[in-house]
Amino acid sequence: MCLWLLTACFGLLPANPSPIVIVPGVPAPIIVPTTAATTAATTTQAPTTQAPTTQAPTAPPTMPVNVTTSVPPTMPSTMPSTMPPTMLPTMPPTMPSVTTAPPTTTTTTAAPTPPPTTAAPTTSGPLPIDPRLGTTPGPLAALQIQPMGYSSQVPSYDAAVKFPRQKRSMRPLNVKHFLSNLSKPDEHHVIHKRQSNNCRCVTAGTCIRIPMIDVRIVTPAVSQCLTGQEYCCGNTTMNMTQIGCGTLQSVPTTGVTPMAGQANFGEFPWQALILTKQNEYIGGGVLIDNMNVLTVTHRIMSYVVSGTAPNVKVRLGEWDAAGTYEPVAHQEYTIQRVSSHPSYNANTLQFDVTVLRLASPVPFTPTTGAATTINRACLPSAANATFTGQRCMVSGWGKDAFGTQGQFQNILKKVDVPIVAPDVCQTQLRTARLGPTYVLDTTSFVCAGGESNKDACTGDGGSGLVCQTNGRWVVVGLVAWGLSCANANVSAVYVNVAAFLPWIQQQVAAA
């Protein structure tokens, strides 16, 4: 026993002892770069190009080796990116620990990131998508990014996208201020119009241009006018500010040739068709301005409720009441107010006149949507105006014959009739049926016709009798009543519009 102890104490044990057993799985220390405080649990491949590095194996467990990465004292113009930390593998204990760490040669600009944090495990591959660009930059694009000039430490990439707004040198955009500046006019470019602001669409060929003015200055790049019109800022050969009363306009063809006794399309632009809102026929009327239509009381009175006609409408620009092929569409208006003469007598039809106030105005100028098939008739110039002996026109959709065998018409009819003197008309009416005691009220009535096969008839009530004076059509009468239809020497009776002129003007002027 003593001999064995002495041998052990003086080192006399065998020279070749059995090898030391190393317990596998003990990790080596993590290499920490001096330029970043980031640690990682797994190996992450940086998306940059770098020089090869010989990694050192671990020393025997009793002697850990600390290895550092050297950084050149002078930084290049573009910041080098730092290799993410990696975990070195465990080597056999007989290998010496040697590490070679040349300077990093990458030229990738460091992406601006917040102060270093512990990196989450990531997978190798391209850079994350930058939401400000919407696409993944390629390797060449990454190499061409210019430095932003941040003074913070060079960060390492991680999976999170972060925006160091607090370190940006560019001031944030004030959207409100930016938009307000856009709405401001150019203070250095003021346009002065060289012509009046009376620019409008007129009939082609009617614009009077001053030769010294270049028309290209005032003509819009995109035409604002309809076919057959031109843009004009000067005077015209005809007054197009508003269509004159009692005048006709050029209208497109319908492709239908009117039969004998039928009106041409647009020939009577003042003719009104009065209907219920269920399109039931009531009678005719005459447009006298942009807000008022004349008609007879006996055709409208049954539809009047408290001074208005809620179930009645006025159609203007109509021609074929059963067709839809007209090149210019009709227009319909509701009624705001009904004004009937207070002296109306339903038994004798005296003072048989009513003014229908439309709910909206009818346009008479091209720039406000005027239709070429709609216009107003002129009123007589005075209450005592007479038209005796003059041939005039009457139009309407009434029956083509008296009695049950007559048929209402679809296409507007017309007929020319002479204005008959009051005394002649009174004699004709006495002779035909009314007897010798009948007295014609010349204030309420005017007569026309008395020719065979030419007359207004049942259903034409309210339509206009118009006579041309100085090139304009004037409404002289409204179809009122008669003894049968179209008999020779029996004139028809119309409302005397001239005699009611003061009352009509009073209703028109009323608000």
Protein backbone atom coordinates (compact mmCIF):
# COMPACT_ATOMS: atom_id res chain seq x y z
CA MET A 1 0.00 0.00 0.00
CA CYS A 2 2.74 2.44 0.89
CA LEU A 3 4.65 1.57 -2.24
CA TRP A 4 1.65 2.38 -4.42
CA LEU A 5 1.11 5.73 -2.74
CA LEU A 6 4.75 6.68 -3.17
CA THR A 7 4.60 5.75 -6.81
CA ALA A 8 1.57 7.91 -7.36
CA CYS A 9 3.00 10.85 -5.49
CA PHE A 10 6.29 10.92 -7.39
CA GLY A 11 4.65 10.59 -10.87
CA LEU A 12 5.65 7.07 -11.51
CA LEU A 13 2.31 6.18 -13.12
CA PRO A 14 2.29 4.81 -16.72
CA ALA A 15 3.25 7.33 -19.48
CA ASN A 16 0.36 6.53 -21.82
CA PRO A 17 -2.84 6.99 -19.96
CA SER A 18 -6.18 6.28 -21.55
CA PRO A 19 -7.64 9.29 -23.61
CA ILE A 20 -9.80 11.87 -21.93
CA VAL A 21 -13.48 11.42 -22.74
CA ILE A 22 -15.09 14.65 -24.10
CA VAL A 23 -18.80 14.95 -23.54
CA PRO A 24 -20.31 15.98 -26.90
CA GLY A 25 -22.98 18.67 -27.31
CA VAL A 26 -21.42 21.42 -25.20
CA PRO A 27 -21.56 24.58 -27.33
CA ALA A 28 -18.64 26.87 -27.86
CA PRO A 29 -18.89 30.54 -26.92
CA ILE A 30 -20.79 32.75 -29.42
CA ILE A 31 -18.54 35.15 -31.30
CA VAL A 32 -19.65 38.73 -30.62
CA PRO A 33 -18.57 41.41 -33.16
CA THR A 34 -17.25 44.63 -31.67
CA THR A 35 -19.48 46.75 -33.96
CA ALA A 36 -22.79 45.29 -32.93
CA ALA A 37 -24.34 43.91 -29.78
CA THR A 38 -26.58 41.45 -31.62
CA THR A 39 -26.67 37.76 -30.64
CA ALA A 40 -28.17 34.91 -32.62
CA ALA A 41 -29.13 31.34 -31.85
CA THR A 42 -28.87 30.02 -35.41
CA THR A 43 -26.75 30.65 -38.50
CA THR A 44 -28.10 33.48 -40.79
CA GLN A 45 -26.67 34.07 -44.25
CA ALA A 46 -26.30 37.82 -45.01
CA PRO A 47 -27.29 38.85 -48.56
CA THR A 48 -23.90 40.41 -49.29
CA THR A 49 -20.59 39.38 -50.84
CA GLN A 50 -17.70 38.93 -48.40
CA ALA A 51 -14.22 37.42 -48.23
CA PRO A 52 -13.93 33.83 -47.04
CA THR A 53 -13.33 33.37 -43.31
CA THR A 54 -11.66 30.38 -41.70
CA GLN A 55 -13.72 29.51 -38.66
CA ALA A 56 -11.85 28.27 -35.58
CA PRO A 57 -12.85 25.06 -33.82
CA THR A 58 -13.28 25.01 -30.09
CA ALA A 59 -10.37 24.36 -27.74
CA PRO A 60 -10.49 21.62 -25.10
CA PRO A 61 -13.35 22.16 -22.70
CA THR A 62 -11.03 23.45 -20.01
CA MET A 63 -9.76 26.31 -22.27
CA PRO A 64 -12.36 28.45 -24.12
CA VAL A 65 -10.95 30.75 -26.77
CA ASN A 66 -12.31 34.28 -27.33
CA VAL A 67 -12.20 35.33 -30.99
CA THR A 68 -13.00 38.83 -32.27
CA THR A 69 -13.55 40.24 -35.73
CA SER A 70 -11.16 42.96 -36.71
CA VAL A 71 -12.39 46.15 -38.36
CA PRO A 72 -10.15 48.45 -40.43
CA PRO A 73 -9.50 51.78 -38.75
CA THR A 74 -10.69 53.73 -41.81
CA MET A 75 -14.28 53.20 -43.00
CA PRO A 76 -14.91 53.12 -46.79
CA SER A 77 -17.31 55.60 -48.47
CA THR A 78 -20.05 53.06 -48.25
CA MET A 79 -20.65 51.39 -44.89
CA PRO A 80 -19.76 47.71 -44.81
CA SER A 81 -22.46 45.45 -43.65
CA THR A 82 -21.60 43.21 -40.69
CA MET A 83 -21.83 39.49 -40.94
CA PRO A 84 -24.57 38.23 -38.62
CA PRO A 85 -23.10 36.26 -35.70
CA THR A 86 -22.75 32.53 -36.23
CA MET A 87 -22.24 29.63 -33.85
CA LEU A 88 -18.96 27.77 -34.38
CA PRO A 89 -19.05 23.96 -34.50
CA THR A 90 -17.39 21.76 -31.90
CA MET A 91 -14.01 20.42 -33.10
CA PRO A 92 -11.87 17.52 -31.85
CA PRO A 93 -9.71 18.51 -28.86
CA THR A 94 -6.47 17.70 -30.67
CA MET A 95 -6.97 20.60 -33.18
CA PRO A 96 -5.41 23.92 -32.27
CA SER A 97 -7.73 26.97 -32.26
CA VAL A 98 -6.79 29.35 -35.07
CA THR A 99 -8.94 32.15 -36.52
CA THR A 100 -8.29 34.33 -39.53
CA ALA A 101 -10.55 37.40 -39.83
CA PRO A 102 -9.79 39.66 -42.84
CA PRO A 103 -11.67 42.93 -43.23
CA THR A 104 -15.13 42.64 -44.66
CA THR A 105 -15.20 43.67 -48.35
CA THR A 106 -18.94 44.10 -48.91
CA THR A 107 -20.20 47.42 -50.32
CA THR A 108 -23.87 47.03 -49.52
CA THR A 109 -25.27 50.13 -47.86
CA ALA A 110 -26.58 49.40 -44.44
CA ALA A 111 -30.38 49.58 -44.39
CA PRO A 112 -31.62 52.11 -41.80
CA THR A 113 -32.80 50.14 -38.77
CA PRO A 114 -33.44 50.98 -35.12
CA PRO A 115 -30.85 50.38 -32.38
CA PRO A 116 -29.61 46.77 -32.27
CA THR A 117 -31.96 44.20 -30.86
CA THR A 118 -31.90 40.44 -30.49
CA ALA A 119 -32.49 39.04 -33.97
CA ALA A 120 -35.21 36.47 -34.50
CA PRO A 121 -34.28 33.37 -36.49
CA THR A 122 -34.66 33.98 -40.23
CA THR A 123 -34.29 31.97 -43.39
CA SER A 124 -31.88 32.67 -46.18
CA GLY A 125 -33.14 34.35 -49.35
CA PRO A 126 -33.79 37.84 -50.94
CA LEU A 127 -34.38 41.00 -48.97
CA PRO A 128 -37.87 41.59 -47.54
CA ILE A 129 -40.30 43.56 -49.73
CA ASP A 130 -40.13 47.27 -49.10
CA PRO A 131 -43.74 48.47 -48.92
CA ARG A 132 -42.72 51.90 -50.21
CA LEU A 133 -41.67 50.31 -53.50
CA GLY A 134 -43.95 47.33 -53.75
CA THR A 135 -41.33 44.98 -55.26
CA THR A 136 -38.33 42.96 -54.05
CA PRO A 137 -35.04 44.64 -55.09
CA GLY A 138 -32.58 42.44 -56.94
CA PRO A 139 -28.92 42.05 -56.00
CA LEU A 140 -27.81 44.78 -58.42
CA ALA A 141 -30.41 47.19 -57.11
CA ALA A 142 -29.22 46.54 -53.57
CA LEU A 143 -25.66 47.38 -54.56
CA GLN A 144 -26.65 50.70 -56.12
CA ILE A 145 -28.48 52.15 -53.14
CA GLN A 146 -26.84 55.36 -51.98
CA PRO A 147 -26.07 55.92 -48.28
CA MET A 148 -28.64 57.91 -46.33
CA GLY A 149 -26.07 59.53 -44.07
CA TYR A 150 -27.26 58.16 -40.73
CA SER A 151 -24.80 58.36 -37.87
CA SER A 152 -26.11 55.33 -35.98
CA GLN A 153 -24.29 52.03 -35.73
CA VAL A 154 -24.38 49.75 -38.73
CA PRO A 155 -27.32 47.45 -37.99
CA SER A 156 -27.77 43.89 -39.06
CA TYR A 157 -30.76 42.72 -41.12
CA ASP A 158 -33.70 41.14 -39.40
CA ALA A 159 -37.12 40.04 -40.56
CA ALA A 160 -39.01 43.10 -39.34
CA VAL A 161 -39.38 46.20 -41.57
CA LYS A 162 -38.75 49.34 -39.52
CA PHE A 163 -38.80 52.98 -40.56
CA PRO A 164 -36.62 55.33 -38.45
CA ARG A 165 -38.84 58.37 -39.13
CA GLN A 166 -37.35 60.22 -36.19
CA LYS A 167 -33.95 60.23 -37.95
CA ARG A 168 -35.04 61.44 -41.38
CA SER A 169 -33.59 64.74 -42.45
CA MET A 170 -36.46 65.47 -44.88
CA ARG A 171 -39.42 67.40 -43.42
CA PRO A 172 -42.77 65.60 -43.59
CA LEU A 173 -45.22 66.70 -46.32
CA ASN A 174 -48.10 68.90 -45.21
CA VAL A 175 -50.89 67.52 -47.43
CA LYS A 176 -53.34 70.30 -46.64
CA HIS A 177 -50.81 72.99 -47.50
CA PHE A 178 -49.79 71.12 -50.65
CA LEU A 179 -53.36 70.79 -51.95
CA SER A 180 -54.18 74.39 -51.17
CA ASN A 181 -51.21 75.51 -53.26
CA LEU A 182 -52.42 73.41 -56.19
CA SER A 183 -55.77 75.19 -56.17
CA LYS A 184 -54.18 78.64 -56.37
CA PRO A 185 -54.20 80.22 -59.84
CA ASP A 186 -50.97 81.01 -61.57
CA GLU A 187 -50.20 84.54 -60.46
CA HIS A 188 -47.85 85.08 -63.36
CA HIS A 189 -50.18 84.00 -66.18
CA VAL A 190 -53.31 86.10 -66.40
CA ILE A 191 -55.52 85.69 -69.47
CA HIS A 192 -57.38 88.75 -70.68
CA LYS A 193 -60.30 88.03 -73.03
CA ARG A 194 -60.08 90.09 -76.17
CA GLN A 195 -63.78 89.78 -76.93
CA SER A 196 -67.04 90.10 -75.06
CA ASN A 197 -68.38 87.21 -72.98
CA ASN A 198 -71.42 86.96 -75.24
CA CYS A 199 -70.15 83.68 -76.69
CA ARG A 200 -72.81 81.18 -77.67
CA CYS A 201 -73.91 78.62 -80.23
CA VAL A 202 -75.66 80.08 -83.26
CA THR A 203 -76.94 78.79 -86.56
CA ALA A 204 -74.03 77.93 -88.83
CA GLY A 205 -73.19 80.78 -91.20
CA THR A 206 -74.87 83.53 -89.17
CA CYS A 207 -71.86 84.61 -87.05
CA ILE A 208 -70.39 88.00 -87.99
CA ARG A 209 -66.63 87.90 -87.32
CA ILE A 210 -64.28 90.89 -87.26
CA PRO A 211 -61.37 90.12 -89.65
CA MET A 212 -58.67 91.41 -87.28
CA ILE A 213 -59.62 88.91 -84.58
CA ASP A 214 -58.29 85.38 -84.84
CA VAL A 215 -61.31 83.15 -84.32
CA ARG A 216 -59.06 80.36 -83.05
CA ILE A 217 -58.62 82.31 -79.82
CA VAL A 218 -62.30 82.04 -78.94
CA THR A 219 -63.24 78.73 -80.52
CA PRO A 220 -63.07 75.87 -78.00
CA ALA A 221 -60.89 72.87 -78.79
CA VAL A 222 -63.89 70.57 -78.35
CA SER A 223 -67.06 71.82 -80.01
CA GLN A 224 -69.79 72.82 -77.58
CA CYS A 225 -72.42 73.23 -80.27
CA LEU A 226 -74.85 70.88 -81.95
CA THR A 227 -74.69 69.86 -85.56
CA GLY A 228 -75.67 72.79 -87.76
CA GLN A 229 -74.43 75.35 -85.22
CA GLU A 230 -71.19 77.21 -84.66
CA TYR A 231 -69.52 78.89 -81.67
CA CYS A 232 -69.75 82.69 -81.98
CA CYS A 233 -68.60 85.53 -79.71
CA GLY A 234 -69.76 88.40 -81.91
CA ASN A 235 -72.96 89.60 -83.49
CA THR A 236 -75.09 87.49 -85.79
CA THR A 237 -77.12 88.13 -88.88
CA MET A 238 -80.20 87.17 -86.89
CA ASN A 239 -81.05 87.66 -83.25
CA MET A 240 -80.29 84.30 -81.65
CA THR A 241 -80.40 85.55 -78.07
CA GLN A 242 -83.97 84.30 -77.97
CA ILE A 243 -86.16 82.86 -80.69
CA GLY A 244 -88.70 85.45 -81.79
CA CYS A 245 -92.37 84.74 -81.18
CA GLY A 246 -94.45 83.50 -84.09
CA THR A 247 -91.48 82.23 -86.09
CA LEU A 248 -90.62 78.81 -87.44
CA GLN A 249 -87.24 77.10 -87.34
CA SER A 250 -85.54 74.63 -89.61
CA VAL A 251 -86.30 71.13 -88.40
CA PRO A 252 -84.96 67.73 -89.50
CA THR A 253 -87.05 65.53 -91.69
CA THR A 254 -89.11 62.71 -90.23
CA GLY A 255 -88.94 60.49 -93.28
CA VAL A 256 -92.74 60.57 -93.43
CA THR A 257 -94.54 62.55 -96.13
CA PRO A 258 -97.65 64.23 -94.67
CA MET A 259 -100.96 63.46 -96.34
CA ALA A 260 -103.38 66.10 -97.48
CA GLY A 261 -104.60 68.15 -94.53
CA GLN A 262 -101.75 67.03 -92.25
CA ALA A 263 -99.27 69.52 -90.84
CA ASN A 264 -95.57 69.30 -91.52
CA PHE A 265 -93.28 68.37 -88.66
CA GLY A 266 -92.57 71.54 -86.65
CA GLU A 267 -95.00 73.69 -88.66
CA PHE A 268 -97.01 74.79 -85.60
CA PRO A 269 -94.42 75.03 -82.79
CA TRP A 270 -96.86 76.83 -80.44
CA GLN A 271 -99.40 74.01 -80.60
CA ALA A 272 -99.96 72.43 -77.17
CA LEU A 273 -101.47 69.04 -76.48
CA ILE A 274 -103.29 68.91 -73.13
CA LEU A 275 -103.48 65.44 -71.58
CA THR A 276 -104.16 63.78 -68.30
CA LYS A 277 -101.16 62.18 -66.67
CA GLN A 278 -102.60 58.89 -67.91
CA ASN A 279 -102.28 60.28 -71.48
CA GLU A 280 -106.01 60.75 -71.99
CA TYR A 281 -106.77 63.49 -74.49
CA ILE A 282 -108.33 66.71 -73.13
CA GLY A 283 -107.83 69.37 -75.76
CA GLY A 284 -105.49 71.80 -77.47
CA GLY A 285 -103.76 74.99 -76.42
CA VAL A 286 -101.38 77.73 -77.55
CA LEU A 287 -98.03 78.55 -75.96
CA ILE A 288 -97.80 82.35 -75.58
CA ASP A 289 -94.56 82.68 -73.56
CA ASN A 290 -92.13 80.50 -71.67
CA MET A 291 -94.54 79.96 -68.76
CA ASN A 292 -98.12 80.23 -70.03
CA VAL A 293 -100.49 78.35 -72.31
CA LEU A 294 -103.86 79.63 -73.52
CA THR A 295 -106.80 77.25 -73.78
CA VAL A 296 -110.58 77.26 -73.40
CA THR A 297 -112.26 76.86 -70.06
CA HIS A 298 -114.88 74.34 -71.16
CA ARG A 299 -112.18 71.74 -71.94
CA ILE A 300 -110.18 72.09 -68.70
CA MET A 301 -112.63 73.08 -65.99
CA SER A 302 -113.56 69.53 -64.96
CA TYR A 303 -109.91 68.84 -64.13
CA VAL A 304 -109.33 71.93 -61.99
CA VAL A 305 -108.91 71.42 -58.24
CA SER A 306 -108.36 74.47 -56.01
CA GLY A 307 -106.86 76.62 -58.73
CA THR A 308 -104.60 73.99 -60.23
CA ALA A 309 -104.81 70.80 -62.29
CA PRO A 310 -102.80 68.11 -60.49
CA ASN A 311 -103.66 65.39 -62.99
CA VAL A 312 -103.03 67.41 -66.15
CA LYS A 313 -99.88 67.91 -68.22
CA VAL A 314 -99.00 69.98 -71.27
CA ARG A 315 -97.05 68.42 -74.12
CA LEU A 316 -95.14 70.67 -76.50
CA GLY A 317 -93.38 69.81 -79.74
CA GLU A 318 -95.76 66.94 -80.51
CA TRP A 319 -96.64 65.96 -84.05
CA ASP A 320 -97.57 62.28 -84.31
CA ALA A 321 -99.30 61.58 -81.00
CA ALA A 322 -99.07 57.82 -81.60
CA GLY A 323 -95.50 57.70 -82.91
CA THR A 324 -92.07 57.80 -81.34
CA TYR A 325 -89.95 58.31 -84.45
CA GLU A 326 -89.85 62.10 -84.53
CA PRO A 327 -86.22 63.32 -84.77
CA VAL A 328 -86.89 65.96 -82.10
CA ALA A 329 -88.60 64.65 -78.99
CA HIS A 330 -91.58 66.40 -77.42
CA GLN A 331 -91.40 68.00 -73.97
CA GLU A 332 -93.96 67.72 -71.18
CA TYR A 333 -94.75 70.18 -68.39
CA THR A 334 -96.92 70.02 -65.32
CA ILE A 335 -99.28 72.84 -64.33
CA GLN A 336 -98.70 75.15 -61.41
CA ARG A 337 -101.79 77.32 -61.63
CA VAL A 338 -105.05 77.53 -63.61
CA SER A 339 -106.60 80.97 -64.17
CA SER A 340 -110.04 80.98 -65.82
CA HIS A 341 -111.92 84.13 -66.68
CA PRO A 342 -114.29 84.92 -63.78
CA SER A 343 -117.13 85.79 -66.20
CA TYR A 344 -117.12 82.42 -67.93
CA ASN A 345 -120.63 81.21 -68.81
CA ALA A 346 -120.90 77.45 -69.35
CA ASN A 347 -124.29 77.80 -71.13
CA THR A 348 -123.28 80.37 -73.75
CA LEU A 349 -119.49 79.78 -73.64
CA GLN A 350 -118.87 83.50 -73.24
CA PHE A 351 -115.50 84.48 -71.69
CA ASP A 352 -114.30 80.99 -72.47
CA VAL A 353 -110.59 81.59 -71.84
CA THR A 354 -108.11 80.06 -69.40
CA VAL A 355 -104.40 80.62 -68.78
CA LEU A 356 -102.38 77.57 -67.68
CA ARG A 357 -99.27 78.50 -65.71
CA LEU A 358 -96.55 75.90 -66.21
CA ALA A 359 -94.50 74.60 -63.33
CA SER A 360 -91.19 75.23 -65.17
CA PRO A 361 -90.13 77.55 -68.00
CA VAL A 362 -89.89 76.54 -71.64
CA PRO A 363 -86.47 77.38 -73.13
CA PHE A 364 -86.36 79.51 -76.26
CA THR A 365 -82.61 79.88 -76.67
CA PRO A 366 -80.23 77.25 -78.11
CA THR A 367 -77.90 77.43 -75.12
CA THR A 368 -80.70 76.56 -72.69
CA GLY A 369 -81.99 73.49 -74.50
CA ALA A 370 -84.56 75.02 -76.84
CA ALA A 371 -86.16 72.55 -79.24
CA THR A 372 -86.52 73.60 -82.86
CA THR A 373 -90.11 72.32 -82.80
CA ILE A 374 -91.23 74.52 -79.87
CA ASN A 375 -91.91 78.24 -79.92
CA ARG A 376 -94.55 80.67 -78.75
CA ALA A 377 -97.13 82.48 -80.83
CA CYS A 378 -97.31 86.25 -80.66
CA LEU A 379 -100.22 87.94 -78.91
CA PRO A 380 -102.23 90.61 -80.78
CA SER A 381 -100.73 94.08 -80.61
CA ALA A 382 -103.89 95.64 -79.20
CA ALA A 383 -107.28 94.74 -77.78
CA ASN A 384 -109.04 96.26 -80.81
CA ALA A 385 -106.90 94.52 -83.42
CA THR A 386 -108.93 93.11 -86.31
CA PHE A 387 -108.03 90.52 -88.95
CA THR A 388 -111.17 90.43 -91.02
CA GLY A 389 -110.70 89.07 -94.55
CA GLN A 390 -107.29 87.57 -93.79
CA ARG A 391 -106.70 83.89 -94.38
CA CYS A 392 -105.35 82.20 -91.31
CA MET A 393 -104.47 78.71 -90.08
CA VAL A 394 -105.96 76.43 -87.46
CA SER A 395 -104.47 73.14 -86.27
CA GLY A 396 -105.39 70.31 -83.91
CA TRP A 397 -105.88 66.59 -83.28
CA GLY A 398 -109.70 66.71 -83.25
CA LYS A 399 -112.12 64.59 -85.21
CA ASP A 400 -112.10 64.61 -88.98
CA ALA A 401 -115.90 64.67 -89.17
CA PHE A 402 -118.82 65.69 -87.00
CA GLY A 403 -120.69 63.03 -85.02
CA THR A 404 -119.98 59.42 -84.28
CA GLN A 405 -118.37 58.73 -87.61
CA GLY A 406 -115.58 61.21 -86.93
CA GLN A 407 -112.17 59.94 -85.77
CA PHE A 408 -109.54 61.66 -83.64
CA GLN A 409 -106.29 62.15 -85.49
CA ASN A 410 -102.79 60.95 -84.58
CA ILE A 411 -100.84 63.34 -86.80
CA LEU A 412 -101.54 67.04 -86.33
CA LYS A 413 -104.04 68.40 -88.85
CA LYS A 414 -104.19 71.88 -90.33
CA VAL A 415 -106.59 73.95 -92.39
CA ASP A 416 -106.63 77.47 -93.75
CA VAL A 417 -109.77 79.53 -93.14
CA PRO A 418 -110.74 83.17 -93.69
CA ILE A 419 -111.62 85.57 -90.86
CA VAL A 420 -115.30 86.46 -91.23
CA ALA A 421 -116.77 89.84 -90.29
CA PRO A 422 -118.94 89.76 -87.11
CA ASP A 423 -122.18 90.78 -88.81
CA VAL A 424 -121.75 88.21 -91.58
CA CYS A 425 -121.05 85.52 -89.00
CA GLN A 426 -124.11 86.47 -86.95
CA THR A 427 -126.32 86.20 -90.04
CA GLN A 428 -124.89 82.81 -90.91
CA LEU A 429 -125.54 81.48 -87.41
CA ARG A 430 -129.13 82.80 -87.35
CA THR A 431 -129.85 81.23 -90.70
CA ALA A 432 -128.29 77.90 -89.90
CA ARG A 433 -130.04 77.17 -86.59
CA LEU A 434 -129.97 79.84 -83.91
CA GLY A 435 -132.83 81.95 -85.23
CA PRO A 436 -133.31 85.63 -85.82
CA THR A 437 -133.01 86.65 -82.19
CA TYR A 438 -129.49 85.39 -81.70
CA VAL A 439 -126.92 88.12 -81.00
CA LEU A 440 -123.23 87.34 -81.43
CA ASP A 441 -121.10 88.59 -78.53
CA THR A 442 -118.29 90.27 -80.46
CA THR A 443 -116.32 90.79 -77.25
CA SER A 444 -116.11 87.08 -76.57
CA PHE A 445 -116.05 85.70 -80.13
CA VAL A 446 -114.49 86.01 -83.54
CA CYS A 447 -115.60 83.93 -86.56
CA ALA A 448 -113.64 82.11 -89.27
CA GLY A 449 -114.39 79.58 -92.00
CA GLY A 450 -117.73 79.11 -93.75
CA GLU A 451 -116.10 77.09 -96.55
CA SER A 452 -117.02 73.53 -97.42
CA ASN A 453 -114.70 70.81 -96.09
CA LYS A 454 -112.54 73.32 -94.22
CA ASP A 455 -113.12 73.69 -90.54
CA ALA A 456 -112.08 72.84 -87.03
CA CYS A 457 -114.19 70.16 -85.42
CA THR A 458 -114.98 68.21 -82.26
CA GLY A 459 -111.94 67.77 -80.04
CA ASP A 460 -110.06 70.77 -81.42
CA GLY A 461 -111.27 72.96 -78.55
CA GLY A 462 -108.50 75.22 -77.23
CA SER A 463 -106.28 74.97 -80.33
CA GLY A 464 -105.12 78.19 -81.92
CA LEU A 465 -106.32 80.20 -84.88
CA VAL A 466 -103.20 82.06 -86.03
CA CYS A 467 -102.77 84.79 -88.63
CA GLN A 468 -99.49 85.98 -90.09
CA THR A 469 -98.67 89.65 -89.56
CA ASN A 470 -95.36 91.20 -90.59
CA GLY A 471 -93.83 87.76 -90.98
CA ARG A 472 -94.93 86.52 -87.54
CA TRP A 473 -97.80 84.30 -86.55
CA VAL A 474 -100.24 85.91 -84.11
CA VAL A 475 -102.83 83.97 -82.11
CA VAL A 476 -106.17 85.54 -83.04
CA GLY A 477 -108.59 82.94 -81.68
CA LEU A 478 -109.05 79.65 -79.78
CA VAL A 479 -111.35 76.93 -81.13
CA ALA A 480 -114.59 77.30 -79.10
CA TRP A 481 -117.75 76.00 -80.79
CA GLY A 482 -119.64 75.65 -84.09
CA LEU A 483 -122.77 74.29 -85.80
CA SER A 484 -121.65 70.87 -87.12
CA CYS A 485 -118.36 70.93 -89.02
CA ALA A 486 -117.09 72.16 -92.39
CA ASN A 487 -120.42 73.28 -93.86
CA ALA A 488 -120.52 76.00 -96.47
CA ASN A 489 -121.74 79.41 -95.25
CA VAL A 490 -121.57 78.36 -91.59
CA SER A 491 -118.62 79.89 -89.85
CA ALA A 492 -117.02 78.44 -86.75
CA VAL A 493 -116.75 80.47 -83.55
CA TYR A 494 -113.43 81.16 -81.79
CA VAL A 495 -112.48 82.96 -78.58
CA ASN A 496 -111.56 86.57 -79.39
CA VAL A 497 -108.02 86.68 -77.98
CA ALA A 498 -107.47 90.34 -78.79
CA ALA A 499 -110.51 91.36 -76.74
CA PHE A 500 -109.14 89.50 -73.70
CA LEU A 501 -105.61 90.83 -74.10
CA PRO A 502 -105.64 93.03 -70.94
CA TRP A 503 -106.91 90.14 -68.80
CA ILE A 504 -104.41 87.68 -70.32
CA GLN A 505 -101.51 90.06 -69.68
CA GLN A 506 -102.66 90.43 -66.08
CA GLN A 507 -102.55 86.65 -65.55
CA VAL A 508 -99.18 86.37 -67.21
CA ALA A 509 -97.75 89.09 -64.98
CA ALA A 510 -99.05 87.45 -61.81
CA ALA A 511 -96.36 85.63 -59.87
